Amino acid sequence: MPGVHPRLPSSSVGAELPAMPELSAPTGPGGSKDIQVCRLLAYAGAMRLLGVLGGMSWTSTAEYYRLLNRGVAQRLGGLHSARLLLHSVDFGPVADMQHDGDWDGTAKVLVEAAQGLERAGAEGLLVATNTMHKVADEVTGATGIPLLHIADATARRVLADGRRTVGLLATAFTMEQDFYTGRLRDLGLEVLVPEEDERADVHRIIYDELVLDVVRDDSRDRYREVMAALTDRGAEGIILGCTEIGLLVGEQDSPVPLYDTTAIHVDEAVDWMLA
């Protein structure tokens, strides 16, 4: 991904990540390498426990799980992996409530799941979907642990790259409702969304294909057309504002840089876990 994003505010994520100890050659039995290995193990033991609200859809949650573990392994090396608690909801009823406009019902599902993760020991929460951040305030209000917001992380990354005008590809809920575009604008971005017919295709491909783990070449071509149109309207980058879209398109499909919210969200989550 282009650029390097700033860390989450200290009120959300705590202290700056300390420097990793370097392993030097041993000076003899029980020498400096042994001591430094112990320091490394102590460092890893301080990893925060992250609660993940997933299943919306399972395809993107599987990618979150892979990337979170890969991120921790890359930072710490060896056999280290992410300390996670995952509550994977049944997406069928949630998707029905989304399309029926029953957001109170979706909030109830996520609040109960989040409270369960908190009781189980989670020290922070990650909602592994863009659309369900519509009820992020309800989740935050019902728990006593921080929620790592995907839109905040994405805005920080875009702004750190010196860009302000972005196109947004996402579900119709995310593209058309203010809970997401409004938050990005409040953080300093100008957000362009596709035209009505384009939004319909983007939404349909997500719910009829990507959440079912179906990836079609003709759908990729349609997304390429939509991204090109957004670029023609002035987009300096494209936010992939649905956690499944990265399964369909990559940098090679867009005339401007892509901001994959899944990857950006994971980067900040790993920062938080290791802070």
C-alpha atoms as a PDB file:
ATOM      1  CA  MET A   1       0.000   0.000   0.000  1.00  0.00           C
ATOM      2  CA  PRO A   2       1.244   3.507  -0.721  1.00  0.00           C
ATOM      3  CA  GLY A   3       2.591   5.626   2.092  1.00  0.00           C
ATOM      4  CA  VAL A   4       2.913   5.041   5.797  1.00  0.00           C
ATOM      5  CA  HIS A   5       0.067   5.935   8.083  1.00  0.00           C
ATOM      6  CA  PRO A   6       0.411   7.585  11.498  1.00  0.00           C
ATOM      7  CA  ARG A   7      -0.435   5.544  14.547  1.00  0.00           C
ATOM      8  CA  LEU A   8      -3.751   5.643  16.318  1.00  0.00           C
ATOM      9  CA  PRO A   9      -4.092   8.427  18.908  1.00  0.00           C
ATOM     10  CA  SER A  10      -2.498   7.627  22.239  1.00  0.00           C
ATOM     11  CA  SER A  11      -5.898   7.739  23.912  1.00  0.00           C
ATOM     12  CA  SER A  12      -6.893   4.724  21.811  1.00  0.00           C
ATOM     13  CA  VAL A  13      -3.769   2.690  21.452  1.00  0.00           C
ATOM     14  CA  GLY A  14      -1.361   3.543  24.230  1.00  0.00           C
ATOM     15  CA  ALA A  15       2.360   4.109  23.980  1.00  0.00           C
ATOM     16  CA  GLU A  16       4.502   4.059  20.857  1.00  0.00           C
ATOM     17  CA  LEU A  17       5.738   0.601  19.890  1.00  0.00           C
ATOM     18  CA  PRO A  18       9.117   0.062  21.560  1.00  0.00           C
ATOM     19  CA  ALA A  19      12.141  -0.857  19.492  1.00  0.00           C
ATOM     20  CA  MET A  20      12.616  -4.575  19.011  1.00  0.00           C
ATOM     21  CA  PRO A  21      15.693  -5.990  20.751  1.00  0.00           C
ATOM     22  CA  GLU A  22      18.413  -7.094  18.358  1.00  0.00           C
ATOM     23  CA  LEU A  23      19.835 -10.591  18.682  1.00  0.00           C
ATOM     24  CA  SER A  24      23.635 -10.569  18.754  1.00  0.00           C
ATOM     25  CA  ALA A  25      26.009 -13.477  18.538  1.00  0.00           C
ATOM     26  CA  PRO A  26      26.441 -15.350  21.836  1.00  0.00           C
ATOM     27  CA  THR A  27      29.587 -14.737  23.852  1.00  0.00           C
ATOM     28  CA  GLY A  28      29.519 -18.246  25.281  1.00  0.00           C
ATOM     29  CA  PRO A  29      27.147 -20.643  27.085  1.00  0.00           C
ATOM     30  CA  GLY A  30      24.346 -18.658  28.628  1.00  0.00           C
ATOM     31  CA  GLY A  31      25.734 -15.514  26.966  1.00  0.00           C
ATOM     32  CA  SER A  32      24.154 -12.414  25.496  1.00  0.00           C
ATOM     33  CA  LYS A  33      22.053 -14.202  22.871  1.00  0.00           C
ATOM     34  CA  ASP A  34      20.272 -16.242  25.544  1.00  0.00           C
ATOM     35  CA  ILE A  35      19.537 -13.073  27.516  1.00  0.00           C
ATOM     36  CA  GLN A  36      18.206 -11.282  24.459  1.00  0.00           C
ATOM     37  CA  VAL A  37      15.997 -14.224  23.503  1.00  0.00           C
ATOM     38  CA  CYS A  38      14.405 -13.949  26.937  1.00  0.00           C
ATOM     39  CA  ARG A  39      13.874 -10.233  26.360  1.00  0.00           C
ATOM     40  CA  LEU A  40      12.176 -11.022  23.050  1.00  0.00           C
ATOM     41  CA  LEU A  41       9.868 -13.544  24.696  1.00  0.00           C
ATOM     42  CA  ALA A  42       8.987 -11.028  27.397  1.00  0.00           C
ATOM     43  CA  TYR A  43       8.259  -8.437  24.700  1.00  0.00           C
ATOM     44  CA  ALA A  44       5.925 -10.833  22.873  1.00  0.00           C
ATOM     45  CA  GLY A  45       4.151 -11.706  26.103  1.00  0.00           C
ATOM     46  CA  ALA A  46       2.970  -8.108  26.383  1.00  0.00           C
ATOM     47  CA  MET A  47       0.897  -8.375  23.191  1.00  0.00           C
ATOM     48  CA  ARG A  48      -2.628  -7.049  23.691  1.00  0.00           C
ATOM     49  CA  LEU A  49      -5.569  -9.386  23.160  1.00  0.00           C
ATOM     50  CA  LEU A  50      -7.752  -8.190  20.260  1.00  0.00           C
ATOM     51  CA  GLY A  51     -11.425  -9.076  19.946  1.00  0.00           C
ATOM     52  CA  VAL A  52     -12.573  -9.433  16.329  1.00  0.00           C
ATOM     53  CA  LEU A  53     -16.214  -9.118  15.308  1.00  0.00           C
ATOM     54  CA  GLY A  54     -16.327 -11.124  12.097  1.00  0.00           C
ATOM     55  CA  GLY A  55     -18.451 -13.255   9.801  1.00  0.00           C
ATOM     56  CA  MET A  56     -19.674 -10.268   7.770  1.00  0.00           C
ATOM     57  CA  SER A  57     -18.691 -11.957   5.508  1.00  0.00           C
ATOM     58  CA  TRP A  58     -16.653 -15.040   6.326  1.00  0.00           C
ATOM     59  CA  THR A  59     -14.517 -14.486   3.219  1.00  0.00           C
ATOM     60  CA  SER A  60     -13.183 -11.151   4.445  1.00  0.00           C
ATOM     61  CA  THR A  61     -12.903 -12.409   8.041  1.00  0.00           C
ATOM     62  CA  ALA A  62     -10.647 -15.215   6.827  1.00  0.00           C
ATOM     63  CA  GLU A  63      -8.452 -12.581   5.154  1.00  0.00           C
ATOM     64  CA  TYR A  64      -8.382 -10.513   8.351  1.00  0.00           C
ATOM     65  CA  TYR A  65      -7.263 -13.564  10.332  1.00  0.00           C
ATOM     66  CA  ARG A  66      -4.499 -14.326   7.829  1.00  0.00           C
ATOM     67  CA  LEU A  67      -3.246 -10.747   7.657  1.00  0.00           C
ATOM     68  CA  LEU A  68      -3.345 -10.161  11.430  1.00  0.00           C
ATOM     69  CA  ASN A  69      -1.262 -13.248  12.053  1.00  0.00           C
ATOM     70  CA  ARG A  70       1.110 -12.479   9.204  1.00  0.00           C
ATOM     71  CA  GLY A  71       1.543  -8.924  10.487  1.00  0.00           C
ATOM     72  CA  VAL A  72       2.476 -10.065  13.984  1.00  0.00           C
ATOM     73  CA  ALA A  73       4.773 -12.764  12.623  1.00  0.00           C
ATOM     74  CA  GLN A  74       6.585 -10.230  10.439  1.00  0.00           C
ATOM     75  CA  ARG A  75       7.062  -7.853  13.374  1.00  0.00           C
ATOM     76  CA  LEU A  76       8.175 -10.417  15.959  1.00  0.00           C
ATOM     77  CA  GLY A  77       9.633 -13.168  13.788  1.00  0.00           C
ATOM     78  CA  GLY A  78       9.912 -16.845  14.612  1.00  0.00           C
ATOM     79  CA  LEU A  79       6.684 -18.663  15.425  1.00  0.00           C
ATOM     80  CA  HIS A  80       4.836 -15.668  16.839  1.00  0.00           C
ATOM     81  CA  SER A  81       1.190 -15.138  15.926  1.00  0.00           C
ATOM     82  CA  ALA A  82      -1.617 -12.759  16.854  1.00  0.00           C
ATOM     83  CA  ARG A  83      -3.474 -13.014  20.170  1.00  0.00           C
ATOM     84  CA  LEU A  84      -7.087 -12.932  18.994  1.00  0.00           C
ATOM     85  CA  LEU A  85     -10.600 -13.677  20.139  1.00  0.00           C
ATOM     86  CA  LEU A  86     -13.016 -14.070  17.217  1.00  0.00           C
ATOM     87  CA  HIS A  87     -16.793 -13.926  17.324  1.00  0.00           C
ATOM     88  CA  SER A  88     -18.032 -14.846  13.857  1.00  0.00           C
ATOM     89  CA  VAL A  89     -21.729 -14.023  13.481  1.00  0.00           C
ATOM     90  CA  ASP A  90     -24.182 -15.667  11.082  1.00  0.00           C
ATOM     91  CA  PHE A  91     -24.225 -13.129   8.252  1.00  0.00           C
ATOM     92  CA  GLY A  92     -27.539 -14.289   6.749  1.00  0.00           C
ATOM     93  CA  PRO A  93     -29.811 -12.661   9.354  1.00  0.00           C
ATOM     94  CA  VAL A  94     -27.524  -9.618   9.587  1.00  0.00           C
ATOM     95  CA  ALA A  95     -27.626  -9.066   5.816  1.00  0.00           C
ATOM     96  CA  ASP A  96     -31.426  -9.377   5.875  1.00  0.00           C
ATOM     97  CA  MET A  97     -31.625  -6.729   8.598  1.00  0.00           C
ATOM     98  CA  GLN A  98     -29.293  -4.457   6.628  1.00  0.00           C
ATOM     99  CA  HIS A  99     -31.489  -4.590   3.543  1.00  0.00           C
ATOM    100  CA  ASP A 100     -34.649  -4.177   5.643  1.00  0.00           C
ATOM    101  CA  GLY A 101     -33.187  -1.079   7.305  1.00  0.00           C
ATOM    102  CA  ASP A 102     -33.267  -2.744  10.730  1.00  0.00           C
ATOM    103  CA  TRP A 103     -30.022  -1.241  11.986  1.00  0.00           C
ATOM    104  CA  ASP A 104     -31.177  -1.505  15.595  1.00  0.00           C
ATOM    105  CA  GLY A 105     -31.326  -5.251  15.055  1.00  0.00           C
ATOM    106  CA  THR A 106     -27.814  -5.349  13.634  1.00  0.00           C
ATOM    107  CA  ALA A 107     -26.572  -3.238  16.541  1.00  0.00           C
ATOM    108  CA  LYS A 108     -28.059  -5.715  19.012  1.00  0.00           C
ATOM    109  CA  VAL A 109     -26.182  -8.589  17.334  1.00  0.00           C
ATOM    110  CA  LEU A 110     -22.849  -6.768  17.407  1.00  0.00           C
ATOM    111  CA  VAL A 111     -23.279  -5.352  20.911  1.00  0.00           C
ATOM    112  CA  GLU A 112     -23.962  -8.821  22.350  1.00  0.00           C
ATOM    113  CA  ALA A 113     -20.967 -10.237  20.492  1.00  0.00           C
ATOM    114  CA  ALA A 114     -18.701  -7.375  21.596  1.00  0.00           C
ATOM    115  CA  GLN A 115     -19.745  -7.718  25.227  1.00  0.00           C
ATOM    116  CA  GLY A 116     -18.979 -11.426  25.051  1.00  0.00           C
ATOM    117  CA  LEU A 117     -15.509 -10.708  23.719  1.00  0.00           C
ATOM    118  CA  GLU A 118     -14.943  -8.151  26.464  1.00  0.00           C
ATOM    119  CA  ARG A 119     -16.016 -10.642  29.144  1.00  0.00           C
ATOM    120  CA  ALA A 120     -13.633 -13.185  27.621  1.00  0.00           C
ATOM    121  CA  GLY A 121     -10.719 -10.793  28.112  1.00  0.00           C
ATOM    122  CA  ALA A 122     -10.451  -8.761  24.898  1.00  0.00           C
ATOM    123  CA  GLU A 123      -8.657  -5.464  25.485  1.00  0.00           C
ATOM    124  CA  GLY A 124      -9.821  -3.841  22.243  1.00  0.00           C
ATOM    125  CA  LEU A 125     -12.284  -4.449  19.418  1.00  0.00           C
ATOM    126  CA  LEU A 126     -12.031  -4.630  15.647  1.00  0.00           C
ATOM    127  CA  VAL A 127     -15.165  -4.798  13.472  1.00  0.00           C
ATOM    128  CA  ALA A 128     -14.016  -6.723  10.403  1.00  0.00           C
ATOM    129  CA  THR A 129     -16.350  -4.967   7.978  1.00  0.00           C
ATOM    130  CA  ASN A 130     -16.874  -1.405   6.762  1.00  0.00           C
ATOM    131  CA  THR A 131     -20.672  -1.395   6.566  1.00  0.00           C
ATOM    132  CA  MET A 132     -21.239  -2.501  10.148  1.00  0.00           C
ATOM    133  CA  HIS A 133     -19.310   0.527  11.380  1.00  0.00           C
ATOM    134  CA  LYS A 134     -22.719   2.154  11.007  1.00  0.00           C
ATOM    135  CA  VAL A 135     -23.361   0.819  14.517  1.00  0.00           C
ATOM    136  CA  ALA A 136     -19.833   1.448  15.853  1.00  0.00           C
ATOM    137  CA  ASP A 137     -21.087   4.058  18.325  1.00  0.00           C
ATOM    138  CA  GLU A 138     -23.577   1.581  19.787  1.00  0.00           C
ATOM    139  CA  VAL A 139     -20.817  -1.017  20.216  1.00  0.00           C
ATOM    140  CA  THR A 140     -18.470   1.512  21.811  1.00  0.00           C
ATOM    141  CA  GLY A 141     -21.187   2.786  24.135  1.00  0.00           C
ATOM    142  CA  ALA A 142     -22.001  -0.715  25.366  1.00  0.00           C
ATOM    143  CA  THR A 143     -18.417  -1.756  26.138  1.00  0.00           C
ATOM    144  CA  GLY A 144     -15.521  -0.377  28.103  1.00  0.00           C
ATOM    145  CA  ILE A 145     -12.705  -1.118  25.658  1.00  0.00           C
ATOM    146  CA  PRO A 146     -11.517   0.829  22.579  1.00  0.00           C
ATOM    147  CA  LEU A 147     -12.786   0.133  19.076  1.00  0.00           C
ATOM    148  CA  LEU A 148     -10.284   0.556  16.234  1.00  0.00           C
ATOM    149  CA  HIS A 149     -12.333   2.400  13.594  1.00  0.00           C
ATOM    150  CA  ILE A 150     -11.684   1.425   9.980  1.00  0.00           C
ATOM    151  CA  ALA A 151     -12.587   4.817   8.498  1.00  0.00           C
ATOM    152  CA  ASP A 152     -10.216   6.651  10.841  1.00  0.00           C
ATOM    153  CA  ALA A 153      -7.344   4.351   9.915  1.00  0.00           C
ATOM    154  CA  THR A 154      -8.077   4.778   6.210  1.00  0.00           C
ATOM    155  CA  ALA A 155      -8.294   8.569   6.374  1.00  0.00           C
ATOM    156  CA  ARG A 156      -4.963   8.735   8.188  1.00  0.00           C
ATOM    157  CA  ARG A 157      -3.306   6.631   5.490  1.00  0.00           C
ATOM    158  CA  VAL A 158      -4.711   8.715   2.612  1.00  0.00           C
ATOM    159  CA  LEU A 159      -3.774  12.019   4.247  1.00  0.00           C
ATOM    160  CA  ALA A 160      -0.292  10.748   5.085  1.00  0.00           C
ATOM    161  CA  ASP A 161       0.171  10.120   1.364  1.00  0.00           C
ATOM    162  CA  GLY A 162      -0.695  13.751   0.625  1.00  0.00           C
ATOM    163  CA  ARG A 163      -4.022  13.005  -1.060  1.00  0.00           C
ATOM    164  CA  ARG A 164      -7.403  14.505  -0.269  1.00  0.00           C
ATOM    165  CA  THR A 165      -9.817  13.583  -3.081  1.00  0.00           C
ATOM    166  CA  VAL A 166     -10.729   9.911  -3.152  1.00  0.00           C
ATOM    167  CA  GLY A 167     -13.254   7.673  -4.831  1.00  0.00           C
ATOM    168  CA  LEU A 168     -15.157   5.190  -2.667  1.00  0.00           C
ATOM    169  CA  LEU A 169     -16.233   1.683  -3.675  1.00  0.00           C
ATOM    170  CA  ALA A 170     -18.348  -0.078  -1.073  1.00  0.00           C
ATOM    171  CA  THR A 171     -21.808  -1.421  -0.346  1.00  0.00           C
ATOM    172  CA  ALA A 172     -24.670   0.932  -1.166  1.00  0.00           C
ATOM    173  CA  PHE A 173     -25.129   1.519   2.574  1.00  0.00           C
ATOM    174  CA  THR A 174     -21.530   2.690   2.951  1.00  0.00           C
ATOM    175  CA  MET A 175     -21.457   4.757  -0.244  1.00  0.00           C
ATOM    176  CA  GLU A 176     -24.820   6.449   0.273  1.00  0.00           C
ATOM    177  CA  GLN A 177     -25.154   6.956   4.026  1.00  0.00           C
ATOM    178  CA  ASP A 178     -23.354   9.580   6.060  1.00  0.00           C
ATOM    179  CA  PHE A 179     -21.962   7.333   8.808  1.00  0.00           C
ATOM    180  CA  TYR A 180     -18.927   6.569   6.622  1.00  0.00           C
ATOM    181  CA  THR A 181     -18.573   9.257   3.951  1.00  0.00           C
ATOM    182  CA  GLY A 182     -19.377  11.928   6.538  1.00  0.00           C
ATOM    183  CA  ARG A 183     -16.709  10.622   8.867  1.00  0.00           C
ATOM    184  CA  LEU A 184     -14.126  10.666   6.076  1.00  0.00           C
ATOM    185  CA  ARG A 185     -15.107  14.231   5.183  1.00  0.00           C
ATOM    186  CA  ASP A 186     -14.881  15.299   8.816  1.00  0.00           C
ATOM    187  CA  LEU A 187     -11.342  13.935   8.829  1.00  0.00           C
ATOM    188  CA  GLY A 188     -10.391  16.093   5.845  1.00  0.00           C
ATOM    189  CA  LEU A 189     -11.140  14.063   2.719  1.00  0.00           C
ATOM    190  CA  GLU A 190     -13.268  14.902  -0.291  1.00  0.00           C
ATOM    191  CA  VAL A 191     -15.188  11.741  -1.149  1.00  0.00           C
ATOM    192  CA  LEU A 192     -16.513  10.877  -4.611  1.00  0.00           C
ATOM    193  CA  VAL A 193     -18.974   8.002  -5.006  1.00  0.00           C
ATOM    194  CA  PRO A 194     -19.925   6.274  -8.274  1.00  0.00           C
ATOM    195  CA  GLU A 195     -23.007   7.216 -10.263  1.00  0.00           C
ATOM    196  CA  GLU A 196     -26.301   5.504  -9.385  1.00  0.00           C
ATOM    197  CA  ASP A 197     -26.077   2.689 -11.942  1.00  0.00           C
ATOM    198  CA  GLU A 198     -22.430   2.110 -11.029  1.00  0.00           C
ATOM    199  CA  ARG A 199     -23.268   1.963  -7.314  1.00  0.00           C
ATOM    200  CA  ALA A 200     -25.926  -0.656  -8.036  1.00  0.00           C
ATOM    201  CA  ASP A 201     -23.403  -2.879  -9.836  1.00  0.00           C
ATOM    202  CA  VAL A 202     -20.734  -2.407  -7.161  1.00  0.00           C
ATOM    203  CA  HIS A 203     -23.234  -3.363  -4.431  1.00  0.00           C
ATOM    204  CA  ARG A 204     -24.651  -6.337  -6.368  1.00  0.00           C
ATOM    205  CA  ILE A 205     -21.225  -7.810  -7.034  1.00  0.00           C
ATOM    206  CA  ILE A 206     -20.377  -7.631  -3.334  1.00  0.00           C
ATOM    207  CA  TYR A 207     -23.522  -9.360  -2.072  1.00  0.00           C
ATOM    208  CA  ASP A 208     -24.166 -11.775  -4.951  1.00  0.00           C
ATOM    209  CA  GLU A 209     -20.569 -12.811  -5.550  1.00  0.00           C
ATOM    210  CA  LEU A 210     -17.738 -11.713  -3.272  1.00  0.00           C
ATOM    211  CA  VAL A 211     -19.347 -12.592   0.066  1.00  0.00           C
ATOM    212  CA  LEU A 212     -19.972 -16.048  -1.421  1.00  0.00           C
ATOM    213  CA  ASP A 213     -16.288 -16.358  -2.424  1.00  0.00           C
ATOM    214  CA  VAL A 214     -17.163 -15.977  -6.120  1.00  0.00           C
ATOM    215  CA  VAL A 215     -14.698 -13.933  -8.205  1.00  0.00           C
ATOM    216  CA  ARG A 216     -15.647 -13.250 -11.830  1.00  0.00           C
ATOM    217  CA  ASP A 217     -13.592 -11.648 -14.590  1.00  0.00           C
ATOM    218  CA  ASP A 218     -16.561  -9.669 -15.928  1.00  0.00           C
ATOM    219  CA  SER A 219     -17.148  -8.215 -12.465  1.00  0.00           C
ATOM    220  CA  ARG A 220     -13.499  -7.201 -12.266  1.00  0.00           C
ATOM    221  CA  ASP A 221     -13.905  -5.464 -15.619  1.00  0.00           C
ATOM    222  CA  ARG A 222     -16.944  -3.579 -14.300  1.00  0.00           C
ATOM    223  CA  TYR A 223     -15.014  -2.410 -11.233  1.00  0.00           C
ATOM    224  CA  ARG A 224     -12.193  -1.260 -13.510  1.00  0.00           C
ATOM    225  CA  GLU A 225     -14.703   0.853 -15.462  1.00  0.00           C
ATOM    226  CA  VAL A 226     -16.090   2.392 -12.281  1.00  0.00           C
ATOM    227  CA  MET A 227     -12.618   3.188 -10.939  1.00  0.00           C
ATOM    228  CA  ALA A 228     -11.640   4.774 -14.249  1.00  0.00           C
ATOM    229  CA  ALA A 229     -14.771   6.933 -14.146  1.00  0.00           C
ATOM    230  CA  LEU A 230     -13.994   8.089 -10.599  1.00  0.00           C
ATOM    231  CA  THR A 231     -10.458   8.955 -11.682  1.00  0.00           C
ATOM    232  CA  ASP A 232     -11.818  10.989 -14.591  1.00  0.00           C
ATOM    233  CA  ARG A 233     -13.904  12.941 -12.055  1.00  0.00           C
ATOM    234  CA  GLY A 234     -10.805  13.852 -10.063  1.00  0.00           C
ATOM    235  CA  ALA A 235     -10.147  10.972  -7.653  1.00  0.00           C
ATOM    236  CA  GLU A 236      -6.479  10.850  -6.628  1.00  0.00           C
ATOM    237  CA  GLY A 237      -6.950   7.424  -5.070  1.00  0.00           C
ATOM    238  CA  ILE A 238      -9.685   4.815  -4.629  1.00  0.00           C
ATOM    239  CA  ILE A 239     -10.795   3.522  -1.224  1.00  0.00           C
ATOM    240  CA  LEU A 240     -11.848  -0.116  -1.337  1.00  0.00           C
ATOM    241  CA  GLY A 241     -14.468   0.502   1.330  1.00  0.00           C
ATOM    242  CA  CYS A 242     -15.760  -3.038   1.560  1.00  0.00           C
ATOM    243  CA  THR A 243     -13.525  -5.685   3.050  1.00  0.00           C
ATOM    244  CA  GLU A 244     -14.262  -8.151   0.238  1.00  0.00           C
ATOM    245  CA  ILE A 245     -13.300  -5.906  -2.693  1.00  0.00           C
ATOM    246  CA  GLY A 246      -9.593  -6.609  -2.301  1.00  0.00           C
ATOM    247  CA  LEU A 247     -10.388 -10.190  -3.306  1.00  0.00           C
ATOM    248  CA  LEU A 248     -11.468  -8.897  -6.732  1.00  0.00           C
ATOM    249  CA  VAL A 249      -9.198  -5.999  -7.742  1.00  0.00           C
ATOM    250  CA  GLY A 250      -5.655  -4.842  -7.079  1.00  0.00           C
ATOM    251  CA  GLU A 251      -3.308  -1.997  -7.952  1.00  0.00           C
ATOM    252  CA  GLN A 252      -2.983  -3.266 -11.508  1.00  0.00           C
ATOM    253  CA  ASP A 253      -6.701  -2.666 -12.076  1.00  0.00           C
ATOM    254  CA  SER A 254      -6.759   1.030 -11.189  1.00  0.00           C
ATOM    255  CA  PRO A 255      -5.258   4.127 -12.818  1.00  0.00           C
ATOM    256  CA  VAL A 256      -4.686   5.649  -9.343  1.00  0.00           C
ATOM    257  CA  PRO A 257      -3.493   4.140  -6.036  1.00  0.00           C
ATOM    258  CA  LEU A 258      -5.887   1.866  -4.153  1.00  0.00           C
ATOM    259  CA  TYR A 259      -6.495   2.010  -0.417  1.00  0.00           C
ATOM    260  CA  ASP A 260      -7.517  -1.457   0.719  1.00  0.00           C
ATOM    261  CA  THR A 261      -9.314  -0.850   4.007  1.00  0.00           C
ATOM    262  CA  THR A 262      -8.775  -4.422   5.168  1.00  0.00           C
ATOM    263  CA  ALA A 263      -4.984  -4.132   4.901  1.00  0.00           C
ATOM    264  CA  ILE A 264      -4.947  -0.638   6.436  1.00  0.00           C
ATOM    265  CA  HIS A 265      -7.192  -1.716   9.320  1.00  0.00           C
ATOM    266  CA  VAL A 266      -4.955  -4.710   9.989  1.00  0.00           C
ATOM    267  CA  ASP A 267      -1.818  -2.541  10.009  1.00  0.00           C
ATOM    268  CA  GLU A 268      -3.239  -0.313  12.723  1.00  0.00           C
ATOM    269  CA  ALA A 269      -4.554  -3.309  14.658  1.00  0.00           C
ATOM    270  CA  VAL A 270      -1.092  -4.869  14.712  1.00  0.00           C
ATOM    271  CA  ASP A 271       0.347  -1.532  15.862  1.00  0.00           C
ATOM    272  CA  TRP A 272      -2.211  -1.500  18.670  1.00  0.00           C
ATOM    273  CA  MET A 273      -1.598  -5.101  19.735  1.00  0.00           C
ATOM    274  CA  LEU A 274       2.145  -4.536  19.975  1.00  0.00           C
ATOM    275  CA  ALA A 275       2.045  -1.044  21.503  1.00  0.00           C
END
